[in-house]
Amino acid sequence: MLPSYAKLLIRCVVGICLGSASCWGQANLEVRTKPGEKLEPRPRSNIRVDSTLVLIPVTVTDPLNRFVTGLEKENFKLLEDKQPQEITQFSSEDAPLSVGVVFDCSGSMGHKLDKSRQAVAQFFKLANPEDEFFLVQFNDSANLVQAFTRNLEEIQNKLAFTQSKGRTALLDAVYMALHEMKKAKNPRKALLLISDGGDNSSRYTEAEIKTLVKEADVQIYAIGIFESAGTRSRTPEETSGPALLTEIAEQTGGRQYQVDNLNELPDVAAKIGVELRNQYILGYSPKNLSHDGKYRRVQVRLVQPHGMPLLRPFWKQGYYAPAQ
């Protein structure tokens, strides 16, 4: 009988991240403000590793990108900085989620808003009663439109009145969402980000957000709505959008799904919802007990089950060790 997710958490002395590998140090990011603007204090990571247990969420897919369930602990191998680790905890049970919806309502989203709203509604259909959600919208700036709630109609009602205008402060929106996620009640945390381009209006830089994302205990799933280069003139920010979203998402163990056909949006959002419900949780006690505050890279390898096609794992790529 697999141990329940709750039992895994009890084994941790102080809040170990489920959405990330473990815990992290503080980022030393310089805040850049626009003239006349006040910037909120940057979110501080308040999770510390006082236990030796690290938890890694892993998604496994087959060659057709379908989720693979039913694997056992023996099908996984874990390495930290290339050193093998012993998997001491294993679970494939679903658990409540805290999710932030990060929604692009910039000027270029005009005709894409309706399908984007439908995508969020489809994602919500896979929610559990214990899940909670918040909504951040962004154009020229990022705005928390709805704080954490279990009432999904509140978010959908807010989205119904969304208008498309302005530029794209995507990085600021990610920052704001990670800040709001500090209020989450559930140990599993994720962002669903829907956008059609790169950033052209943020106060934060790519480097700053990438550092913050690596430290966070939040998986990021992005849906990138990218029109082909021949359909219209694309800005440099839109051209770099796919790579930016992919890098941000994969650092966290999430993924970026690129959409060319707007009609695919709801199905892609539903697929992300299913993925979040079909993850394996691997727990281990690191052999390196140094409290050096350094980033440790984690690698997951699969022992392929006999008779099955080649499977592919997705996981959080690392974590920051605690500092003295």
C-alpha atoms as a PDB file:
ATOM      1  CA  MET A   1       0.000   0.000   0.000  1.00  0.00           C
ATOM      2  CA  LEU A   2       1.496   3.340  -1.014  1.00  0.00           C
ATOM      3  CA  PRO A   3       1.900   5.840   1.800  1.00  0.00           C
ATOM      4  CA  SER A   4      -0.509   8.734   1.524  1.00  0.00           C
ATOM      5  CA  TYR A   5       0.782  12.146   0.576  1.00  0.00           C
ATOM      6  CA  ALA A   6      -0.174  13.425   4.007  1.00  0.00           C
ATOM      7  CA  LYS A   7       2.047  10.835   5.637  1.00  0.00           C
ATOM      8  CA  LEU A   8       4.918  11.953   3.481  1.00  0.00           C
ATOM      9  CA  LEU A   9       4.519  15.492   4.705  1.00  0.00           C
ATOM     10  CA  ILE A  10       4.465  14.418   8.333  1.00  0.00           C
ATOM     11  CA  ARG A  11       7.855  12.851   7.763  1.00  0.00           C
ATOM     12  CA  CYS A  12       9.190  16.322   6.982  1.00  0.00           C
ATOM     13  CA  VAL A  13      10.037  18.355  10.086  1.00  0.00           C
ATOM     14  CA  VAL A  14       9.428  21.701   8.426  1.00  0.00           C
ATOM     15  CA  GLY A  15       7.495  22.346   5.105  1.00  0.00           C
ATOM     16  CA  ILE A  16       9.457  20.665   2.360  1.00  0.00           C
ATOM     17  CA  CYS A  17       8.445  21.784  -1.101  1.00  0.00           C
ATOM     18  CA  LEU A  18       6.383  19.412  -3.106  1.00  0.00           C
ATOM     19  CA  GLY A  19       6.201  21.568  -6.187  1.00  0.00           C
ATOM     20  CA  SER A  20       9.986  21.873  -6.092  1.00  0.00           C
ATOM     21  CA  ALA A  21      12.763  19.611  -5.094  1.00  0.00           C
ATOM     22  CA  SER A  22      13.348  20.852  -1.602  1.00  0.00           C
ATOM     23  CA  CYS A  23      14.177  24.214  -0.160  1.00  0.00           C
ATOM     24  CA  TRP A  24      16.158  27.183  -1.246  1.00  0.00           C
ATOM     25  CA  GLY A  25      18.214  30.178  -0.196  1.00  0.00           C
ATOM     26  CA  GLN A  26      17.196  33.783  -0.721  1.00  0.00           C
ATOM     27  CA  ALA A  27      17.654  35.474  -4.095  1.00  0.00           C
ATOM     28  CA  ASN A  28      19.637  38.684  -4.045  1.00  0.00           C
ATOM     29  CA  LEU A  29      17.756  40.537  -6.782  1.00  0.00           C
ATOM     30  CA  GLU A  30      17.983  44.245  -7.374  1.00  0.00           C
ATOM     31  CA  VAL A  31      14.502  45.701  -7.727  1.00  0.00           C
ATOM     32  CA  ARG A  32      14.031  48.006 -10.687  1.00  0.00           C
ATOM     33  CA  THR A  33      11.184  50.472 -10.551  1.00  0.00           C
ATOM     34  CA  LYS A  34       9.664  52.797 -13.086  1.00  0.00           C
ATOM     35  CA  PRO A  35       9.563  56.501 -12.242  1.00  0.00           C
ATOM     36  CA  GLY A  36       6.797  57.318  -9.807  1.00  0.00           C
ATOM     37  CA  GLU A  37       6.018  53.685  -9.039  1.00  0.00           C
ATOM     38  CA  LYS A  38       6.250  51.847  -5.746  1.00  0.00           C
ATOM     39  CA  LEU A  39       7.280  48.238  -5.796  1.00  0.00           C
ATOM     40  CA  GLU A  40       6.183  45.676  -3.228  1.00  0.00           C
ATOM     41  CA  PRO A  41       8.922  43.949  -1.260  1.00  0.00           C
ATOM     42  CA  ARG A  42      10.115  40.909  -3.187  1.00  0.00           C
ATOM     43  CA  PRO A  43       8.764  37.570  -1.939  1.00  0.00           C
ATOM     44  CA  ARG A  44      11.018  35.927   0.609  1.00  0.00           C
ATOM     45  CA  SER A  45      11.356  32.194   0.674  1.00  0.00           C
ATOM     46  CA  ASN A  46      10.160  31.070   4.083  1.00  0.00           C
ATOM     47  CA  ILE A  47      10.689  27.333   3.693  1.00  0.00           C
ATOM     48  CA  ARG A  48      13.830  25.924   5.242  1.00  0.00           C
ATOM     49  CA  VAL A  49      15.295  22.447   5.230  1.00  0.00           C
ATOM     50  CA  ASP A  50      15.513  21.287   8.829  1.00  0.00           C
ATOM     51  CA  SER A  51      14.766  17.742   7.738  1.00  0.00           C
ATOM     52  CA  THR A  52      16.800  15.538   5.447  1.00  0.00           C
ATOM     53  CA  LEU A  53      13.861  14.573   3.229  1.00  0.00           C
ATOM     54  CA  VAL A  54      13.674  16.001  -0.289  1.00  0.00           C
ATOM     55  CA  LEU A  55      10.543  15.433  -2.377  1.00  0.00           C
ATOM     56  CA  ILE A  56      10.593  15.402  -6.181  1.00  0.00           C
ATOM     57  CA  PRO A  57       7.398  15.411  -8.302  1.00  0.00           C
ATOM     58  CA  VAL A  58       7.867  13.471 -11.560  1.00  0.00           C
ATOM     59  CA  THR A  59       5.666  13.191 -14.651  1.00  0.00           C
ATOM     60  CA  VAL A  60       6.212  10.241 -16.995  1.00  0.00           C
ATOM     61  CA  THR A  61       5.027  10.118 -20.614  1.00  0.00           C
ATOM     62  CA  ASP A  62       5.210   7.610 -23.464  1.00  0.00           C
ATOM     63  CA  PRO A  63       6.312   8.344 -27.067  1.00  0.00           C
ATOM     64  CA  LEU A  64       2.791   9.628 -27.853  1.00  0.00           C
ATOM     65  CA  ASN A  65       3.051  12.083 -24.932  1.00  0.00           C
ATOM     66  CA  ARG A  66       0.434  10.180 -22.925  1.00  0.00           C
ATOM     67  CA  PHE A  67       0.798  10.020 -19.164  1.00  0.00           C
ATOM     68  CA  VAL A  68       2.052   6.747 -17.755  1.00  0.00           C
ATOM     69  CA  THR A  69       0.705   5.537 -14.432  1.00  0.00           C
ATOM     70  CA  GLY A  70       1.219   2.322 -12.492  1.00  0.00           C
ATOM     71  CA  LEU A  71       5.002   2.506 -12.169  1.00  0.00           C
ATOM     72  CA  GLU A  72       6.693   1.377  -8.945  1.00  0.00           C
ATOM     73  CA  LYS A  73       9.561   2.760  -6.908  1.00  0.00           C
ATOM     74  CA  GLU A  74      11.906   0.267  -8.574  1.00  0.00           C
ATOM     75  CA  ASN A  75      11.300   1.995 -11.929  1.00  0.00           C
ATOM     76  CA  PHE A  76      13.034   5.176 -10.752  1.00  0.00           C
ATOM     77  CA  LYS A  77      16.623   6.142  -9.988  1.00  0.00           C
ATOM     78  CA  LEU A  78      17.623   9.475  -8.448  1.00  0.00           C
ATOM     79  CA  LEU A  79      20.926  11.336  -8.654  1.00  0.00           C
ATOM     80  CA  GLU A  80      21.981  14.548  -6.940  1.00  0.00           C
ATOM     81  CA  ASP A  81      25.004  16.240  -8.503  1.00  0.00           C
ATOM     82  CA  LYS A  82      25.620  12.926 -10.319  1.00  0.00           C
ATOM     83  CA  GLN A  83      25.699  10.965  -7.030  1.00  0.00           C
ATOM     84  CA  PRO A  84      23.094   8.154  -6.700  1.00  0.00           C
ATOM     85  CA  GLN A  85      20.522   8.634  -3.939  1.00  0.00           C
ATOM     86  CA  GLU A  86      18.302   6.105  -2.190  1.00  0.00           C
ATOM     87  CA  ILE A  87      14.579   6.630  -2.735  1.00  0.00           C
ATOM     88  CA  THR A  88      13.073   6.217   0.718  1.00  0.00           C
ATOM     89  CA  GLN A  89       9.566   7.505   0.005  1.00  0.00           C
ATOM     90  CA  PHE A  90       7.321   6.882  -2.992  1.00  0.00           C
ATOM     91  CA  SER A  91       3.768   7.882  -3.787  1.00  0.00           C
ATOM     92  CA  SER A  92       1.524   8.282  -6.816  1.00  0.00           C
ATOM     93  CA  GLU A  93      -1.535   9.596  -5.002  1.00  0.00           C
ATOM     94  CA  ASP A  94      -3.355  12.776  -5.946  1.00  0.00           C
ATOM     95  CA  ALA A  95      -3.266  15.633  -3.440  1.00  0.00           C
ATOM     96  CA  PRO A  96      -4.888  19.096  -3.139  1.00  0.00           C
ATOM     97  CA  LEU A  97      -3.390  21.875  -5.225  1.00  0.00           C
ATOM     98  CA  SER A  98      -2.893  25.605  -4.833  1.00  0.00           C
ATOM     99  CA  VAL A  99      -2.922  27.095  -8.337  1.00  0.00           C
ATOM    100  CA  GLY A 100      -2.359  30.582  -9.679  1.00  0.00           C
ATOM    101  CA  VAL A 101      -3.840  31.425 -13.073  1.00  0.00           C
ATOM    102  CA  VAL A 102      -1.607  33.983 -14.816  1.00  0.00           C
ATOM    103  CA  PHE A 103      -3.625  35.422 -17.707  1.00  0.00           C
ATOM    104  CA  ASP A 104      -2.367  37.639 -20.542  1.00  0.00           C
ATOM    105  CA  CYS A 105      -4.808  40.421 -21.495  1.00  0.00           C
ATOM    106  CA  SER A 106      -2.394  42.573 -23.515  1.00  0.00           C
ATOM    107  CA  GLY A 107      -3.416  44.220 -26.773  1.00  0.00           C
ATOM    108  CA  SER A 108      -2.373  41.310 -28.989  1.00  0.00           C
ATOM    109  CA  MET A 109      -4.669  38.897 -27.121  1.00  0.00           C
ATOM    110  CA  GLY A 110      -7.882  40.442 -28.507  1.00  0.00           C
ATOM    111  CA  HIS A 111      -9.326  37.615 -30.626  1.00  0.00           C
ATOM    112  CA  LYS A 112      -7.648  34.997 -28.421  1.00  0.00           C
ATOM    113  CA  LEU A 113      -9.379  35.968 -25.169  1.00  0.00           C
ATOM    114  CA  ASP A 114     -12.500  33.857 -25.668  1.00  0.00           C
ATOM    115  CA  LYS A 115     -10.625  30.600 -26.246  1.00  0.00           C
ATOM    116  CA  SER A 116      -8.240  31.472 -23.415  1.00  0.00           C
ATOM    117  CA  ARG A 117     -11.204  31.857 -21.049  1.00  0.00           C
ATOM    118  CA  GLN A 118     -12.511  28.500 -22.243  1.00  0.00           C
ATOM    119  CA  ALA A 119      -9.112  26.977 -21.533  1.00  0.00           C
ATOM    120  CA  VAL A 120      -9.238  28.144 -17.915  1.00  0.00           C
ATOM    121  CA  ALA A 121     -12.784  26.783 -17.560  1.00  0.00           C
ATOM    122  CA  GLN A 122     -11.663  23.412 -18.925  1.00  0.00           C
ATOM    123  CA  PHE A 123      -8.720  23.352 -16.523  1.00  0.00           C
ATOM    124  CA  PHE A 124     -11.087  24.052 -13.620  1.00  0.00           C
ATOM    125  CA  LYS A 125     -13.202  21.000 -14.514  1.00  0.00           C
ATOM    126  CA  LEU A 126     -10.378  18.805 -13.228  1.00  0.00           C
ATOM    127  CA  ALA A 127     -10.177  20.573  -9.864  1.00  0.00           C
ATOM    128  CA  ASN A 128     -10.671  18.808  -6.538  1.00  0.00           C
ATOM    129  CA  PRO A 129     -12.862  20.282  -3.777  1.00  0.00           C
ATOM    130  CA  GLU A 130      -9.772  20.999  -1.658  1.00  0.00           C
ATOM    131  CA  ASP A 131      -8.014  22.931  -4.438  1.00  0.00           C
ATOM    132  CA  GLU A 132      -7.676  26.701  -4.256  1.00  0.00           C
ATOM    133  CA  PHE A 133      -6.996  29.234  -7.000  1.00  0.00           C
ATOM    134  CA  PHE A 134      -6.082  32.860  -7.567  1.00  0.00           C
ATOM    135  CA  LEU A 135      -5.995  35.041 -10.699  1.00  0.00           C
ATOM    136  CA  VAL A 136      -3.263  37.415 -11.884  1.00  0.00           C
ATOM    137  CA  GLN A 137      -3.895  39.346 -15.102  1.00  0.00           C
ATOM    138  CA  PHE A 138      -1.265  41.340 -16.946  1.00  0.00           C
ATOM    139  CA  ASN A 139      -0.876  43.859 -19.730  1.00  0.00           C
ATOM    140  CA  ASP A 140       1.141  47.054 -19.093  1.00  0.00           C
ATOM    141  CA  SER A 141       1.440  45.854 -15.496  1.00  0.00           C
ATOM    142  CA  ALA A 142       0.493  42.818 -13.421  1.00  0.00           C
ATOM    143  CA  ASN A 143      -2.595  42.871 -11.203  1.00  0.00           C
ATOM    144  CA  LEU A 144      -3.945  40.442  -8.619  1.00  0.00           C
ATOM    145  CA  VAL A 145      -7.584  40.321  -9.734  1.00  0.00           C
ATOM    146  CA  GLN A 146      -8.740  37.528  -7.414  1.00  0.00           C
ATOM    147  CA  ALA A 147      -6.983  36.294  -4.276  1.00  0.00           C
ATOM    148  CA  PHE A 148      -7.069  32.634  -3.249  1.00  0.00           C
ATOM    149  CA  THR A 149     -10.544  31.139  -3.397  1.00  0.00           C
ATOM    150  CA  ARG A 150     -12.187  27.749  -3.809  1.00  0.00           C
ATOM    151  CA  ASN A 151     -15.105  29.368  -5.608  1.00  0.00           C
ATOM    152  CA  LEU A 152     -14.136  28.919  -9.241  1.00  0.00           C
ATOM    153  CA  GLU A 153     -17.069  31.012 -10.442  1.00  0.00           C
ATOM    154  CA  GLU A 154     -15.466  34.072  -8.855  1.00  0.00           C
ATOM    155  CA  ILE A 155     -12.438  33.714 -11.123  1.00  0.00           C
ATOM    156  CA  GLN A 156     -14.488  32.916 -14.204  1.00  0.00           C
ATOM    157  CA  ASN A 157     -16.682  35.954 -13.574  1.00  0.00           C
ATOM    158  CA  LYS A 158     -13.587  38.150 -13.375  1.00  0.00           C
ATOM    159  CA  LEU A 159     -12.266  36.680 -16.623  1.00  0.00           C
ATOM    160  CA  ALA A 160     -15.578  37.365 -18.345  1.00  0.00           C
ATOM    161  CA  PHE A 161     -14.970  41.113 -18.060  1.00  0.00           C
ATOM    162  CA  THR A 162     -11.334  40.983 -19.184  1.00  0.00           C
ATOM    163  CA  GLN A 163     -10.452  43.416 -21.976  1.00  0.00           C
ATOM    164  CA  SER A 164      -7.455  43.289 -24.284  1.00  0.00           C
ATOM    165  CA  LYS A 165      -5.168  46.335 -24.245  1.00  0.00           C
ATOM    166  CA  GLY A 166      -1.638  47.518 -23.591  1.00  0.00           C
ATOM    167  CA  ARG A 167       1.769  45.875 -23.569  1.00  0.00           C
ATOM    168  CA  THR A 168       3.009  42.644 -21.936  1.00  0.00           C
ATOM    169  CA  ALA A 169       4.475  42.588 -18.404  1.00  0.00           C
ATOM    170  CA  LEU A 170       4.823  38.802 -18.285  1.00  0.00           C
ATOM    171  CA  LEU A 171       7.840  38.674 -15.968  1.00  0.00           C
ATOM    172  CA  ASP A 172       6.190  40.999 -13.451  1.00  0.00           C
ATOM    173  CA  ALA A 173       3.125  38.744 -13.535  1.00  0.00           C
ATOM    174  CA  VAL A 174       5.224  35.680 -12.697  1.00  0.00           C
ATOM    175  CA  TYR A 175       6.828  37.608  -9.853  1.00  0.00           C
ATOM    176  CA  MET A 176       3.443  38.675  -8.480  1.00  0.00           C
ATOM    177  CA  ALA A 177       2.062  35.142  -8.737  1.00  0.00           C
ATOM    178  CA  LEU A 178       5.024  33.685  -6.817  1.00  0.00           C
ATOM    179  CA  HIS A 179       4.503  36.382  -4.177  1.00  0.00           C
ATOM    180  CA  GLU A 180       0.814  35.491  -3.832  1.00  0.00           C
ATOM    181  CA  MET A 181       1.649  31.779  -3.688  1.00  0.00           C
ATOM    182  CA  LYS A 182       3.271  32.351  -0.291  1.00  0.00           C
ATOM    183  CA  LYS A 183      -0.297  32.430   1.063  1.00  0.00           C
ATOM    184  CA  ALA A 184      -1.108  28.953  -0.271  1.00  0.00           C
ATOM    185  CA  LYS A 185      -2.683  26.444   2.113  1.00  0.00           C
ATOM    186  CA  ASN A 186      -1.802  23.321   0.121  1.00  0.00           C
ATOM    187  CA  PRO A 187       1.733  21.921  -0.140  1.00  0.00           C
ATOM    188  CA  ARG A 188       1.435  21.285  -3.887  1.00  0.00           C
ATOM    189  CA  LYS A 189       1.662  24.538  -5.841  1.00  0.00           C
ATOM    190  CA  ALA A 190       1.454  25.337  -9.545  1.00  0.00           C
ATOM    191  CA  LEU A 191       0.991  28.238 -11.957  1.00  0.00           C
ATOM    192  CA  LEU A 192      -1.015  28.033 -15.178  1.00  0.00           C
ATOM    193  CA  LEU A 193       0.305  30.789 -17.450  1.00  0.00           C
ATOM    194  CA  ILE A 194      -1.486  31.691 -20.695  1.00  0.00           C
ATOM    195  CA  SER A 195       0.225  34.199 -22.990  1.00  0.00           C
ATOM    196  CA  ASP A 196       0.811  34.931 -26.674  1.00  0.00           C
ATOM    197  CA  GLY A 197       4.240  36.501 -26.542  1.00  0.00           C
ATOM    198  CA  GLY A 198       7.369  37.513 -24.738  1.00  0.00           C
ATOM    199  CA  ASP A 199       7.837  40.399 -22.339  1.00  0.00           C
ATOM    200  CA  ASN A 200       8.062  44.091 -23.272  1.00  0.00           C
ATOM    201  CA  SER A 201       6.837  45.966 -20.176  1.00  0.00           C
ATOM    202  CA  SER A 202       8.257  44.433 -16.982  1.00  0.00           C
ATOM    203  CA  ARG A 203      10.376  45.953 -14.241  1.00  0.00           C
ATOM    204  CA  TYR A 204      12.067  42.626 -13.599  1.00  0.00           C
ATOM    205  CA  THR A 205      14.605  41.111 -15.965  1.00  0.00           C
ATOM    206  CA  GLU A 206      14.663  37.576 -17.330  1.00  0.00           C
ATOM    207  CA  ALA A 207      17.729  36.772 -15.245  1.00  0.00           C
ATOM    208  CA  GLU A 208      16.040  37.897 -12.032  1.00  0.00           C
ATOM    209  CA  ILE A 209      12.875  35.891 -12.630  1.00  0.00           C
ATOM    210  CA  LYS A 210      14.806  32.800 -13.702  1.00  0.00           C
ATOM    211  CA  THR A 211      16.708  32.927 -10.413  1.00  0.00           C
ATOM    212  CA  LEU A 212      13.515  33.397  -8.417  1.00  0.00           C
ATOM    213  CA  VAL A 213      11.786  30.546 -10.246  1.00  0.00           C
ATOM    214  CA  LYS A 214      14.668  28.172  -9.467  1.00  0.00           C
ATOM    215  CA  GLU A 215      14.230  28.925  -5.782  1.00  0.00           C
ATOM    216  CA  ALA A 216      10.456  28.604  -5.688  1.00  0.00           C
ATOM    217  CA  ASP A 217       8.435  25.565  -4.680  1.00  0.00           C
ATOM    218  CA  VAL A 218       5.998  26.139  -7.556  1.00  0.00           C
ATOM    219  CA  GLN A 219       5.640  24.167 -10.782  1.00  0.00           C
ATOM    220  CA  ILE A 220       4.941  26.394 -13.781  1.00  0.00           C
ATOM    221  CA  TYR A 221       2.904  25.247 -16.763  1.00  0.00           C
ATOM    222  CA  ALA A 222       2.718  27.659 -19.676  1.00  0.00           C
ATOM    223  CA  ILE A 223       0.456  27.696 -22.716  1.00  0.00           C
ATOM    224  CA  GLY A 224       2.129  29.763 -25.415  1.00  0.00           C
ATOM    225  CA  ILE A 225      -0.180  30.999 -28.171  1.00  0.00           C
ATOM    226  CA  PHE A 226       2.326  31.720 -30.918  1.00  0.00           C
ATOM    227  CA  GLU A 227       1.205  32.570 -34.412  1.00  0.00           C
ATOM    228  CA  SER A 228       3.493  31.465 -37.215  1.00  0.00           C
ATOM    229  CA  ALA A 229       6.019  33.974 -38.454  1.00  0.00           C
ATOM    230  CA  GLY A 230       4.213  34.334 -41.782  1.00  0.00           C
ATOM    231  CA  THR A 231       0.840  35.375 -40.369  1.00  0.00           C
ATOM    232  CA  ARG A 232       1.917  38.839 -39.268  1.00  0.00           C
ATOM    233  CA  SER A 233       4.918  40.883 -38.250  1.00  0.00           C
ATOM    234  CA  ARG A 234       6.257  39.503 -34.977  1.00  0.00           C
ATOM    235  CA  THR A 235       8.128  41.655 -32.484  1.00  0.00           C
ATOM    236  CA  PRO A 236      11.485  40.491 -31.060  1.00  0.00           C
ATOM    237  CA  GLU A 237       9.705  39.824 -27.747  1.00  0.00           C
ATOM    238  CA  GLU A 238       7.162  37.540 -29.436  1.00  0.00           C
ATOM    239  CA  THR A 239       9.927  35.731 -31.283  1.00  0.00           C
ATOM    240  CA  SER A 240      11.733  34.999 -28.009  1.00  0.00           C
ATOM    241  CA  GLY A 241       8.517  34.112 -26.176  1.00  0.00           C
ATOM    242  CA  PRO A 242       8.578  30.312 -26.693  1.00  0.00           C
ATOM    243  CA  ALA A 243      12.151  29.934 -25.448  1.00  0.00           C
ATOM    244  CA  LEU A 244      11.481  32.151 -22.424  1.00  0.00           C
ATOM    245  CA  LEU A 245       8.365  30.236 -21.365  1.00  0.00           C
ATOM    246  CA  THR A 246      10.029  26.878 -21.937  1.00  0.00           C
ATOM    247  CA  GLU A 247      13.062  27.729 -19.819  1.00  0.00           C
ATOM    248  CA  ILE A 248      10.983  29.137 -16.972  1.00  0.00           C
ATOM    249  CA  ALA A 249       8.610  26.162 -16.950  1.00  0.00           C
ATOM    250  CA  GLU A 250      11.156  23.361 -17.246  1.00  0.00           C
ATOM    251  CA  GLN A 251      13.267  24.711 -14.384  1.00  0.00           C
ATOM    252  CA  THR A 252      10.306  23.994 -12.106  1.00  0.00           C
ATOM    253  CA  GLY A 253       9.436  20.537 -13.395  1.00  0.00           C
ATOM    254  CA  GLY A 254       6.556  21.948 -15.427  1.00  0.00           C
ATOM    255  CA  ARG A 255       6.296  22.362 -19.174  1.00  0.00           C
ATOM    256  CA  GLN A 256       5.402  24.792 -21.919  1.00  0.00           C
ATOM    257  CA  TYR A 257       2.759  23.750 -24.420  1.00  0.00           C
ATOM    258  CA  GLN A 258       2.883  25.686 -27.675  1.00  0.00           C
ATOM    259  CA  VAL A 259      -0.453  26.238 -29.422  1.00  0.00           C
ATOM    260  CA  ASP A 260      -0.807  27.293 -33.061  1.00  0.00           C
ATOM    261  CA  ASN A 261      -4.536  26.629 -33.392  1.00  0.00           C
ATOM    262  CA  LEU A 262      -6.753  28.541 -30.950  1.00  0.00           C
ATOM    263  CA  ASN A 263      -9.286  25.706 -30.950  1.00  0.00           C
ATOM    264  CA  GLU A 264      -6.693  23.524 -29.220  1.00  0.00           C
ATOM    265  CA  LEU A 265      -6.456  25.779 -26.163  1.00  0.00           C
ATOM    266  CA  PRO A 266      -9.135  24.102 -23.998  1.00  0.00           C
ATOM    267  CA  ASP A 267      -7.785  20.615 -24.692  1.00  0.00           C
ATOM    268  CA  VAL A 268      -4.233  21.660 -23.834  1.00  0.00           C
ATOM    269  CA  ALA A 269      -5.398  23.219 -20.567  1.00  0.00           C
ATOM    270  CA  ALA A 270      -7.250  20.020 -19.702  1.00  0.00           C
ATOM    271  CA  LYS A 271      -4.103  18.011 -20.431  1.00  0.00           C
ATOM    272  CA  ILE A 272      -2.151  20.136 -17.967  1.00  0.00           C
ATOM    273  CA  GLY A 273      -4.842  19.491 -15.361  1.00  0.00           C
ATOM    274  CA  VAL A 274      -4.547  15.757 -15.944  1.00  0.00           C
ATOM    275  CA  GLU A 275      -0.765  15.925 -15.703  1.00  0.00           C
ATOM    276  CA  LEU A 276      -0.928  17.597 -12.303  1.00  0.00           C
ATOM    277  CA  ARG A 277      -3.147  14.730 -11.128  1.00  0.00           C
ATOM    278  CA  ASN A 278      -0.845  11.998 -12.392  1.00  0.00           C
ATOM    279  CA  GLN A 279       2.546  12.681 -10.889  1.00  0.00           C
ATOM    280  CA  TYR A 280       4.853  10.442  -8.908  1.00  0.00           C
ATOM    281  CA  ILE A 281       6.443  11.760  -5.722  1.00  0.00           C
ATOM    282  CA  LEU A 282       9.974  10.563  -4.963  1.00  0.00           C
ATOM    283  CA  GLY A 283      11.498  11.243  -1.561  1.00  0.00           C
ATOM    284  CA  TYR A 284      15.137  10.871  -0.555  1.00  0.00           C
ATOM    285  CA  SER A 285      17.609  11.952   2.106  1.00  0.00           C
ATOM    286  CA  PRO A 286      20.591  13.627   0.387  1.00  0.00           C
ATOM    287  CA  LYS A 287      23.965  12.043   1.026  1.00  0.00           C
ATOM    288  CA  ASN A 288      25.498  15.507   0.910  1.00  0.00           C
ATOM    289  CA  LEU A 289      24.550  17.019   4.279  1.00  0.00           C
ATOM    290  CA  SER A 290      26.540  20.239   3.820  1.00  0.00           C
ATOM    291  CA  HIS A 291      24.613  23.427   4.587  1.00  0.00           C
ATOM    292  CA  ASP A 292      26.451  25.414   1.929  1.00  0.00           C
ATOM    293  CA  GLY A 293      23.506  27.175   0.260  1.00  0.00           C
ATOM    294  CA  LYS A 294      24.581  25.871  -3.155  1.00  0.00           C
ATOM    295  CA  TYR A 295      22.314  24.804  -5.987  1.00  0.00           C
ATOM    296  CA  ARG A 296      22.154  21.032  -6.342  1.00  0.00           C
ATOM    297  CA  ARG A 297      21.126  19.466  -9.629  1.00  0.00           C
ATOM    298  CA  VAL A 298      18.730  16.546  -9.507  1.00  0.00           C
ATOM    299  CA  GLN A 299      18.423  13.901 -12.203  1.00  0.00           C
ATOM    300  CA  VAL A 300      15.710  11.271 -12.560  1.00  0.00           C
ATOM    301  CA  ARG A 301      16.343   8.133 -14.587  1.00  0.00           C
ATOM    302  CA  LEU A 302      13.817   5.476 -15.485  1.00  0.00           C
ATOM    303  CA  VAL A 303      14.296   1.740 -15.340  1.00  0.00           C
ATOM    304  CA  GLN A 304      12.199   0.908 -18.374  1.00  0.00           C
ATOM    305  CA  PRO A 305       9.440  -1.644 -17.645  1.00  0.00           C
ATOM    306  CA  HIS A 306       9.709  -4.786 -19.740  1.00  0.00           C
ATOM    307  CA  GLY A 307       7.649  -4.686 -22.920  1.00  0.00           C
ATOM    308  CA  MET A 308       6.840  -0.968 -22.734  1.00  0.00           C
ATOM    309  CA  PRO A 309       7.972   1.725 -25.205  1.00  0.00           C
ATOM    310  CA  LEU A 310      10.649   4.212 -24.237  1.00  0.00           C
ATOM    311  CA  LEU A 311       9.284   6.434 -21.458  1.00  0.00           C
ATOM    312  CA  ARG A 312      10.318  10.000 -20.644  1.00  0.00           C
ATOM    313  CA  PRO A 313      10.364  11.630 -17.195  1.00  0.00           C
ATOM    314  CA  PHE A 314       9.929  15.343 -16.376  1.00  0.00           C
ATOM    315  CA  TRP A 315      11.052  16.661 -13.010  1.00  0.00           C
ATOM    316  CA  LYS A 316      12.266  19.697 -11.055  1.00  0.00           C
ATOM    317  CA  GLN A 317      15.857  20.188 -12.106  1.00  0.00           C
ATOM    318  CA  GLY A 318      17.350  21.083  -8.741  1.00  0.00           C
ATOM    319  CA  TYR A 319      17.126  22.895  -5.434  1.00  0.00           C
ATOM    320  CA  TYR A 320      19.165  25.109  -3.166  1.00  0.00           C
ATOM    321  CA  ALA A 321      20.710  23.473  -0.120  1.00  0.00           C
ATOM    322  CA  PRO A 322      20.161  25.257   3.210  1.00  0.00           C
ATOM    323  CA  ALA A 323      22.792  27.764   4.250  1.00  0.00           C
ATOM    324  CA  GLN A 324      24.411  27.994   7.668  1.00  0.00           C
END
